[in-house]
Amino acid sequence: DFGYHLSTKSYLRFFTGRQSSAVLNTEV
């Protein structure tokens, strides 16, 4: 995340993320 203070009350964020998921039990 990168955050920028627009004013004393206002805050702007730009973010990037990587989400991954894996199945643990494939027998079923």
PDB file of all heavy atoms in Angstrom:
ATOM      1  N   ASP A   1       0.836  -1.203   0.000  1.00  0.00           N
ATOM      2  CA  ASP A   1       0.000   0.000   0.000  1.00  0.00           C
ATOM      3  C   ASP A   1       0.867   1.248   0.000  1.00  0.00           C
ATOM      4  O   ASP A   1       1.896   1.301   0.677  1.00  0.00           O
ATOM      5  CB  ASP A   1      -0.888   0.057   1.244  1.00  0.00           C
ATOM      6  CG  ASP A   1      -2.057  -0.893   1.177  1.00  0.00           C
ATOM      7  OD1 ASP A   1      -1.877  -1.996   0.652  1.00  0.00           O
ATOM      8  OD2 ASP A   1      -3.137  -0.529   1.663  1.00  0.00           O
ATOM      9  N   PHE A   2       0.414   2.263  -0.741  1.00  0.00           N
ATOM     10  CA  PHE A   2       0.987   3.598  -0.667  1.00  0.00           C
ATOM     11  C   PHE A   2      -0.126   4.562  -0.286  1.00  0.00           C
ATOM     12  O   PHE A   2      -1.180   4.609  -0.937  1.00  0.00           O
ATOM     13  CB  PHE A   2       1.610   4.011  -2.006  1.00  0.00           C
ATOM     14  CG  PHE A   2       2.813   3.195  -2.386  1.00  0.00           C
ATOM     15  CD1 PHE A   2       2.684   2.082  -3.200  1.00  0.00           C
ATOM     16  CD2 PHE A   2       4.068   3.541  -1.907  1.00  0.00           C
ATOM     17  CE1 PHE A   2       3.795   1.324  -3.542  1.00  0.00           C
ATOM     18  CE2 PHE A   2       5.177   2.784  -2.242  1.00  0.00           C
ATOM     19  CZ  PHE A   2       5.041   1.672  -3.062  1.00  0.00           C
ATOM     20  N   GLY A   3       0.098   5.328   0.784  1.00  0.00           N
ATOM     21  CA  GLY A   3      -0.902   6.274   1.254  1.00  0.00           C
ATOM     22  C   GLY A   3      -0.412   7.699   1.123  1.00  0.00           C
ATOM     23  O   GLY A   3       0.779   7.993   1.302  1.00  0.00           O
ATOM     24  N   TYR A   4      -1.349   8.606   0.824  1.00  0.00           N
ATOM     25  CA  TYR A   4      -1.011  10.020   0.626  1.00  0.00           C
ATOM     26  C   TYR A   4      -1.967  10.875   1.442  1.00  0.00           C
ATOM     27  O   TYR A   4      -3.190  10.711   1.356  1.00  0.00           O
ATOM     28  CB  TYR A   4      -1.100  10.390  -0.855  1.00  0.00           C
ATOM     29  CG  TYR A   4      -0.744  11.827  -1.147  1.00  0.00           C
ATOM     30  CD1 TYR A   4       0.582  12.236  -1.197  1.00  0.00           C
ATOM     31  CD2 TYR A   4      -1.735  12.776  -1.366  1.00  0.00           C
ATOM     32  CE1 TYR A   4       0.920  13.552  -1.467  1.00  0.00           C
ATOM     33  CE2 TYR A   4      -1.418  14.104  -1.631  1.00  0.00           C
ATOM     34  CZ  TYR A   4      -0.084  14.485  -1.680  1.00  0.00           C
ATOM     35  OH  TYR A   4       0.235  15.794  -1.940  1.00  0.00           O
ATOM     36  N   HIS A   5      -1.418  11.805   2.248  1.00  0.00           N
ATOM     37  CA  HIS A   5      -2.228  12.690   3.084  1.00  0.00           C
ATOM     38  C   HIS A   5      -2.702  13.877   2.236  1.00  0.00           C
ATOM     39  O   HIS A   5      -1.946  14.823   1.990  1.00  0.00           O
ATOM     40  CB  HIS A   5      -1.416  13.188   4.276  1.00  0.00           C
ATOM     41  CG  HIS A   5      -0.971  12.091   5.196  1.00  0.00           C
ATOM     42  ND1 HIS A   5      -1.669  11.742   6.330  1.00  0.00           N
ATOM     43  CD2 HIS A   5       0.100  11.258   5.150  1.00  0.00           C
ATOM     44  CE1 HIS A   5      -1.049  10.751   6.944  1.00  0.00           C
ATOM     45  NE2 HIS A   5       0.030  10.428   6.237  1.00  0.00           N
ATOM     46  N   LEU A   6      -3.959  13.813   1.792  1.00  0.00           N
ATOM     47  CA  LEU A   6      -4.511  14.924   1.021  1.00  0.00           C
ATOM     48  C   LEU A   6      -4.705  16.152   1.889  1.00  0.00           C
ATOM     49  O   LEU A   6      -4.542  17.286   1.447  1.00  0.00           O
ATOM     50  CB  LEU A   6      -5.848  14.514   0.392  1.00  0.00           C
ATOM     51  CG  LEU A   6      -5.796  13.399  -0.650  1.00  0.00           C
ATOM     52  CD1 LEU A   6      -7.204  13.008  -1.073  1.00  0.00           C
ATOM     53  CD2 LEU A   6      -4.984  13.831  -1.861  1.00  0.00           C
ATOM     54  N   SER A   7      -5.115  15.937   3.128  1.00  0.00           N
ATOM     55  CA  SER A   7      -5.291  17.008   4.106  1.00  0.00           C
ATOM     56  C   SER A   7      -5.198  16.383   5.482  1.00  0.00           C
ATOM     57  O   SER A   7      -4.898  15.196   5.627  1.00  0.00           O
ATOM     58  CB  SER A   7      -6.648  17.709   3.902  1.00  0.00           C
ATOM     59  OG  SER A   7      -7.722  16.842   4.245  1.00  0.00           O
ATOM     60  N   THR A   8      -5.476  17.174   6.507  1.00  0.00           N
ATOM     61  CA  THR A   8      -5.424  16.645   7.863  1.00  0.00           C
ATOM     62  C   THR A   8      -6.530  15.638   8.139  1.00  0.00           C
ATOM     63  O   THR A   8      -6.440  14.869   9.094  1.00  0.00           O
ATOM     64  CB  THR A   8      -5.529  17.792   8.881  1.00  0.00           C
ATOM     65  OG1 THR A   8      -6.747  18.530   8.648  1.00  0.00           O
ATOM     66  CG2 THR A   8      -4.327  18.722   8.761  1.00  0.00           C
ATOM     67  N   LYS A   9      -7.573  15.616   7.317  1.00  0.00           N
ATOM     68  CA  LYS A   9      -8.697  14.702   7.525  1.00  0.00           C
ATOM     69  C   LYS A   9      -8.864  13.693   6.393  1.00  0.00           C
ATOM     70  O   LYS A   9      -9.610  12.727   6.534  1.00  0.00           O
ATOM     71  CB  LYS A   9     -10.001  15.492   7.692  1.00  0.00           C
ATOM     72  CG  LYS A   9     -10.007  16.450   8.868  1.00  0.00           C
ATOM     73  CD  LYS A   9     -11.322  17.191   8.952  1.00  0.00           C
ATOM     74  CE  LYS A   9     -11.346  18.160  10.133  1.00  0.00           C
ATOM     75  NZ  LYS A   9     -10.352  19.222  10.004  1.00  0.00           N
ATOM     76  N   SER A  10      -8.217  13.907   5.275  1.00  0.00           N
ATOM     77  CA  SER A  10      -8.431  13.078   4.085  1.00  0.00           C
ATOM     78  C   SER A  10      -7.166  12.303   3.752  1.00  0.00           C
ATOM     79  O   SER A  10      -6.058  12.861   3.750  1.00  0.00           O
ATOM     80  CB  SER A  10      -8.838  13.959   2.899  1.00  0.00           C
ATOM     81  OG  SER A  10      -9.119  13.184   1.764  1.00  0.00           O
ATOM     82  N   TYR A  11      -7.345  11.003   3.445  1.00  0.00           N
ATOM     83  CA  TYR A  11      -6.211  10.107   3.196  1.00  0.00           C
ATOM     84  C   TYR A  11      -6.529   9.230   1.993  1.00  0.00           C
ATOM     85  O   TYR A  11      -7.562   8.562   1.945  1.00  0.00           O
ATOM     86  CB  TYR A  11      -5.970   9.240   4.434  1.00  0.00           C
ATOM     87  CG  TYR A  11      -4.712   8.421   4.418  1.00  0.00           C
ATOM     88  CD1 TYR A  11      -3.460   9.015   4.535  1.00  0.00           C
ATOM     89  CD2 TYR A  11      -4.762   7.028   4.302  1.00  0.00           C
ATOM     90  CE1 TYR A  11      -2.300   8.251   4.548  1.00  0.00           C
ATOM     91  CE2 TYR A  11      -3.606   6.259   4.314  1.00  0.00           C
ATOM     92  CZ  TYR A  11      -2.381   6.882   4.428  1.00  0.00           C
ATOM     93  OH  TYR A  11      -1.238   6.129   4.434  1.00  0.00           O
ATOM     94  N   LEU A  12      -5.623   9.241   1.015  1.00  0.00           N
ATOM     95  CA  LEU A  12      -5.811   8.496  -0.226  1.00  0.00           C
ATOM     96  C   LEU A  12      -4.819   7.343  -0.276  1.00  0.00           C
ATOM     97  O   LEU A  12      -3.640   7.512   0.045  1.00  0.00           O
ATOM     98  CB  LEU A  12      -5.614   9.418  -1.424  1.00  0.00           C
ATOM     99  CG  LEU A  12      -5.856   8.829  -2.816  1.00  0.00           C
ATOM    100  CD1 LEU A  12      -7.322   8.436  -2.992  1.00  0.00           C
ATOM    101  CD2 LEU A  12      -5.437   9.824  -3.896  1.00  0.00           C
ATOM    102  N   ARG A  13      -5.329   6.151  -0.676  1.00  0.00           N
ATOM    103  CA  ARG A  13      -4.484   4.959  -0.754  1.00  0.00           C
ATOM    104  C   ARG A  13      -4.474   4.402  -2.174  1.00  0.00           C
ATOM    105  O   ARG A  13      -5.499   4.387  -2.853  1.00  0.00           O
ATOM    106  CB  ARG A  13      -5.012   3.856   0.165  1.00  0.00           C
ATOM    107  CG  ARG A  13      -4.989   4.137   1.629  1.00  0.00           C
ATOM    108  CD  ARG A  13      -5.737   3.051   2.385  1.00  0.00           C
ATOM    109  NE  ARG A  13      -5.328   1.702   1.979  1.00  0.00           N
ATOM    110  CZ  ARG A  13      -6.187   0.746   1.605  1.00  0.00           C
ATOM    111  NH1 ARG A  13      -7.483   0.972   1.563  1.00  0.00           N
ATOM    112  NH2 ARG A  13      -5.736  -0.453   1.273  1.00  0.00           N
ATOM    113  N   PHE A  14      -3.313   3.928  -2.576  1.00  0.00           N
ATOM    114  CA  PHE A  14      -3.174   3.128  -3.790  1.00  0.00           C
ATOM    115  C   PHE A  14      -2.502   1.821  -3.373  1.00  0.00           C
ATOM    116  O   PHE A  14      -1.507   1.842  -2.649  1.00  0.00           O
ATOM    117  CB  PHE A  14      -2.332   3.849  -4.839  1.00  0.00           C
ATOM    118  CG  PHE A  14      -2.926   5.132  -5.326  1.00  0.00           C
ATOM    119  CD1 PHE A  14      -2.556   6.343  -4.745  1.00  0.00           C
ATOM    120  CD2 PHE A  14      -3.857   5.140  -6.347  1.00  0.00           C
ATOM    121  CE1 PHE A  14      -3.111   7.536  -5.188  1.00  0.00           C
ATOM    122  CE2 PHE A  14      -4.419   6.319  -6.794  1.00  0.00           C
ATOM    123  CZ  PHE A  14      -4.041   7.526  -6.217  1.00  0.00           C
ATOM    124  N   PHE A  15      -3.050   0.722  -3.829  1.00  0.00           N
ATOM    125  CA  PHE A  15      -2.501  -0.549  -3.363  1.00  0.00           C
ATOM    126  C   PHE A  15      -2.508  -1.590  -4.472  1.00  0.00           C
ATOM    127  O   PHE A  15      -3.248  -1.491  -5.458  1.00  0.00           O
ATOM    128  CB  PHE A  15      -3.288  -1.069  -2.151  1.00  0.00           C
ATOM    129  CG  PHE A  15      -4.748  -1.323  -2.404  1.00  0.00           C
ATOM    130  CD1 PHE A  15      -5.197  -2.564  -2.839  1.00  0.00           C
ATOM    131  CD2 PHE A  15      -5.682  -0.321  -2.194  1.00  0.00           C
ATOM    132  CE1 PHE A  15      -6.537  -2.803  -3.060  1.00  0.00           C
ATOM    133  CE2 PHE A  15      -7.032  -0.542  -2.414  1.00  0.00           C
ATOM    134  CZ  PHE A  15      -7.466  -1.790  -2.844  1.00  0.00           C
ATOM    135  N   THR A  16      -1.653  -2.559  -4.287  1.00  0.00           N
ATOM    136  CA  THR A  16      -1.624  -3.726  -5.157  1.00  0.00           C
ATOM    137  C   THR A  16      -1.477  -4.955  -4.277  1.00  0.00           C
ATOM    138  O   THR A  16      -0.925  -4.884  -3.178  1.00  0.00           O
ATOM    139  CB  THR A  16      -0.459  -3.637  -6.161  1.00  0.00           C
ATOM    140  OG1 THR A  16      -0.482  -4.785  -7.021  1.00  0.00           O
ATOM    141  CG2 THR A  16       0.878  -3.599  -5.450  1.00  0.00           C
ATOM    142  N   GLY A  17      -2.008  -6.059  -4.747  1.00  0.00           N
ATOM    143  CA  GLY A  17      -1.960  -7.270  -3.949  1.00  0.00           C
ATOM    144  C   GLY A  17      -1.981  -8.514  -4.819  1.00  0.00           C
ATOM    145  O   GLY A  17      -2.381  -8.480  -5.995  1.00  0.00           O
ATOM    146  N   ARG A  18      -1.531  -9.585  -4.233  1.00  0.00           N
ATOM    147  CA  ARG A  18      -1.539 -10.879  -4.914  1.00  0.00           C
ATOM    148  C   ARG A  18      -2.162 -11.888  -3.962  1.00  0.00           C
ATOM    149  O   ARG A  18      -1.610 -12.177  -2.898  1.00  0.00           O
ATOM    150  CB  ARG A  18      -0.123 -11.300  -5.294  1.00  0.00           C
ATOM    151  CG  ARG A  18      -0.032 -12.645  -6.021  1.00  0.00           C
ATOM    152  CD  ARG A  18       1.431 -13.009  -6.240  1.00  0.00           C
ATOM    153  NE  ARG A  18       1.596 -14.295  -6.913  1.00  0.00           N
ATOM    154  CZ  ARG A  18       1.718 -14.444  -8.225  1.00  0.00           C
ATOM    155  NH1 ARG A  18       1.699 -13.382  -9.010  1.00  0.00           N
ATOM    156  NH2 ARG A  18       1.871 -15.640  -8.756  1.00  0.00           N
ATOM    157  N   GLN A  19      -3.317 -12.398  -4.359  1.00  0.00           N
ATOM    158  CA  GLN A  19      -4.020 -13.391  -3.543  1.00  0.00           C
ATOM    159  C   GLN A  19      -3.953 -14.743  -4.242  1.00  0.00           C
ATOM    160  O   GLN A  19      -4.209 -14.855  -5.442  1.00  0.00           O
ATOM    161  CB  GLN A  19      -5.480 -12.989  -3.341  1.00  0.00           C
ATOM    162  CG  GLN A  19      -6.263 -13.965  -2.486  1.00  0.00           C
ATOM    163  CD  GLN A  19      -7.699 -13.512  -2.257  1.00  0.00           C
ATOM    164  OE1 GLN A  19      -8.062 -12.391  -2.591  1.00  0.00           O
ATOM    165  NE2 GLN A  19      -8.516 -14.393  -1.701  1.00  0.00           N
ATOM    166  N   SER A  20      -3.607 -15.752  -3.465  1.00  0.00           N
ATOM    167  CA  SER A  20      -3.550 -17.111  -4.017  1.00  0.00           C
ATOM    168  C   SER A  20      -4.255 -18.056  -3.060  1.00  0.00           C
ATOM    169  O   SER A  20      -4.290 -17.834  -1.846  1.00  0.00           O
ATOM    170  CB  SER A  20      -2.102 -17.559  -4.231  1.00  0.00           C
ATOM    171  OG  SER A  20      -1.391 -17.592  -3.012  1.00  0.00           O
ATOM    172  N   SER A  21      -4.807 -19.109  -3.624  1.00  0.00           N
ATOM    173  CA  SER A  21      -5.526 -20.090  -2.816  1.00  0.00           C
ATOM    174  C   SER A  21      -5.212 -21.480  -3.344  1.00  0.00           C
ATOM    175  O   SER A  21      -5.088 -21.691  -4.560  1.00  0.00           O
ATOM    176  CB  SER A  21      -7.035 -19.829  -2.868  1.00  0.00           C
ATOM    177  OG  SER A  21      -7.733 -20.691  -2.007  1.00  0.00           O
ATOM    178  N   ALA A  22      -5.090 -22.413  -2.405  1.00  0.00           N
ATOM    179  CA  ALA A  22      -4.773 -23.799  -2.778  1.00  0.00           C
ATOM    180  C   ALA A  22      -5.701 -24.744  -2.027  1.00  0.00           C
ATOM    181  O   ALA A  22      -5.922 -24.592  -0.822  1.00  0.00           O
ATOM    182  CB  ALA A  22      -3.318 -24.112  -2.463  1.00  0.00           C
ATOM    183  N   VAL A  23      -6.225 -25.728  -2.756  1.00  0.00           N
ATOM    184  CA  VAL A  23      -7.066 -26.766  -2.151  1.00  0.00           C
ATOM    185  C   VAL A  23      -6.159 -27.755  -1.427  1.00  0.00           C
ATOM    186  O   VAL A  23      -5.162 -28.229  -1.982  1.00  0.00           O
ATOM    187  CB  VAL A  23      -7.912 -27.470  -3.214  1.00  0.00           C
ATOM    188  CG1 VAL A  23      -8.744 -28.590  -2.588  1.00  0.00           C
ATOM    189  CG2 VAL A  23      -8.808 -26.465  -3.922  1.00  0.00           C
ATOM    190  N   LEU A  24      -6.500 -28.086  -0.182  1.00  0.00           N
ATOM    191  CA  LEU A  24      -5.649 -28.939   0.627  1.00  0.00           C
ATOM    192  C   LEU A  24      -5.998 -30.415   0.488  1.00  0.00           C
ATOM    193  O   LEU A  24      -5.112 -31.274   0.478  1.00  0.00           O
ATOM    194  CB  LEU A  24      -5.735 -28.519   2.099  1.00  0.00           C
ATOM    195  CG  LEU A  24      -5.259 -27.089   2.406  1.00  0.00           C
ATOM    196  CD1 LEU A  24      -5.435 -26.793   3.883  1.00  0.00           C
ATOM    197  CD2 LEU A  24      -3.802 -26.905   2.003  1.00  0.00           C
ATOM    198  N   ASN A  25      -7.261 -30.713   0.365  1.00  0.00           N
ATOM    199  CA  ASN A  25      -7.693 -32.106   0.282  1.00  0.00           C
ATOM    200  C   ASN A  25      -8.440 -32.311  -1.031  1.00  0.00           C
ATOM    201  O   ASN A  25      -9.572 -31.844  -1.202  1.00  0.00           O
ATOM    202  CB  ASN A  25      -8.592 -32.442   1.473  1.00  0.00           C
ATOM    203  CG  ASN A  25      -9.024 -33.904   1.471  1.00  0.00           C
ATOM    204  OD1 ASN A  25      -8.528 -34.713   0.681  1.00  0.00           O
ATOM    205  ND2 ASN A  25      -9.950 -34.247   2.355  1.00  0.00           N
ATOM    206  N   THR A  26      -7.800 -32.976  -1.962  1.00  0.00           N
ATOM    207  CA  THR A  26      -8.412 -33.180  -3.284  1.00  0.00           C
ATOM    208  C   THR A  26      -9.071 -34.550  -3.435  1.00  0.00           C
ATOM    209  O   THR A  26      -9.676 -34.835  -4.478  1.00  0.00           O
ATOM    210  CB  THR A  26      -7.337 -33.020  -4.379  1.00  0.00           C
ATOM    211  OG1 THR A  26      -6.316 -33.999  -4.175  1.00  0.00           O
ATOM    212  CG2 THR A  26      -6.740 -31.626  -4.343  1.00  0.00           C
ATOM    213  N   GLU A  27      -8.967 -35.422  -2.421  1.00  0.00           N
ATOM    214  CA  GLU A  27      -9.520 -36.768  -2.527  1.00  0.00           C
ATOM    215  C   GLU A  27     -11.014 -36.748  -2.813  1.00  0.00           C
ATOM    216  O   GLU A  27     -11.526 -37.553  -3.595  1.00  0.00           O
ATOM    217  CB  GLU A  27      -9.237 -37.548  -1.245  1.00  0.00           C
ATOM    218  CG  GLU A  27      -7.769 -37.858  -1.000  1.00  0.00           C
ATOM    219  CD  GLU A  27      -7.196 -38.805  -2.047  1.00  0.00           C
ATOM    220  OE1 GLU A  27      -7.965 -39.632  -2.579  1.00  0.00           O
ATOM    221  OE2 GLU A  27      -5.990 -38.711  -2.331  1.00  0.00           O
ATOM    222  N   VAL A  28     -11.738 -35.816  -2.192  1.00  0.00           N
ATOM    223  CA  VAL A  28     -13.202 -35.796  -2.335  1.00  0.00           C
ATOM    224  C   VAL A  28     -13.626 -35.266  -3.702  1.00  0.00           C
ATOM    225  O   VAL A  28     -14.818 -35.314  -4.042  1.00  0.00           O
ATOM    226  CB  VAL A  28     -13.836 -34.945  -1.225  1.00  0.00           C
ATOM    227  CG1 VAL A  28     -13.588 -35.571   0.143  1.00  0.00           C
ATOM    228  CG2 VAL A  28     -13.295 -33.521  -1.265  1.00  0.00           C
TER     229      VAL A  28
END
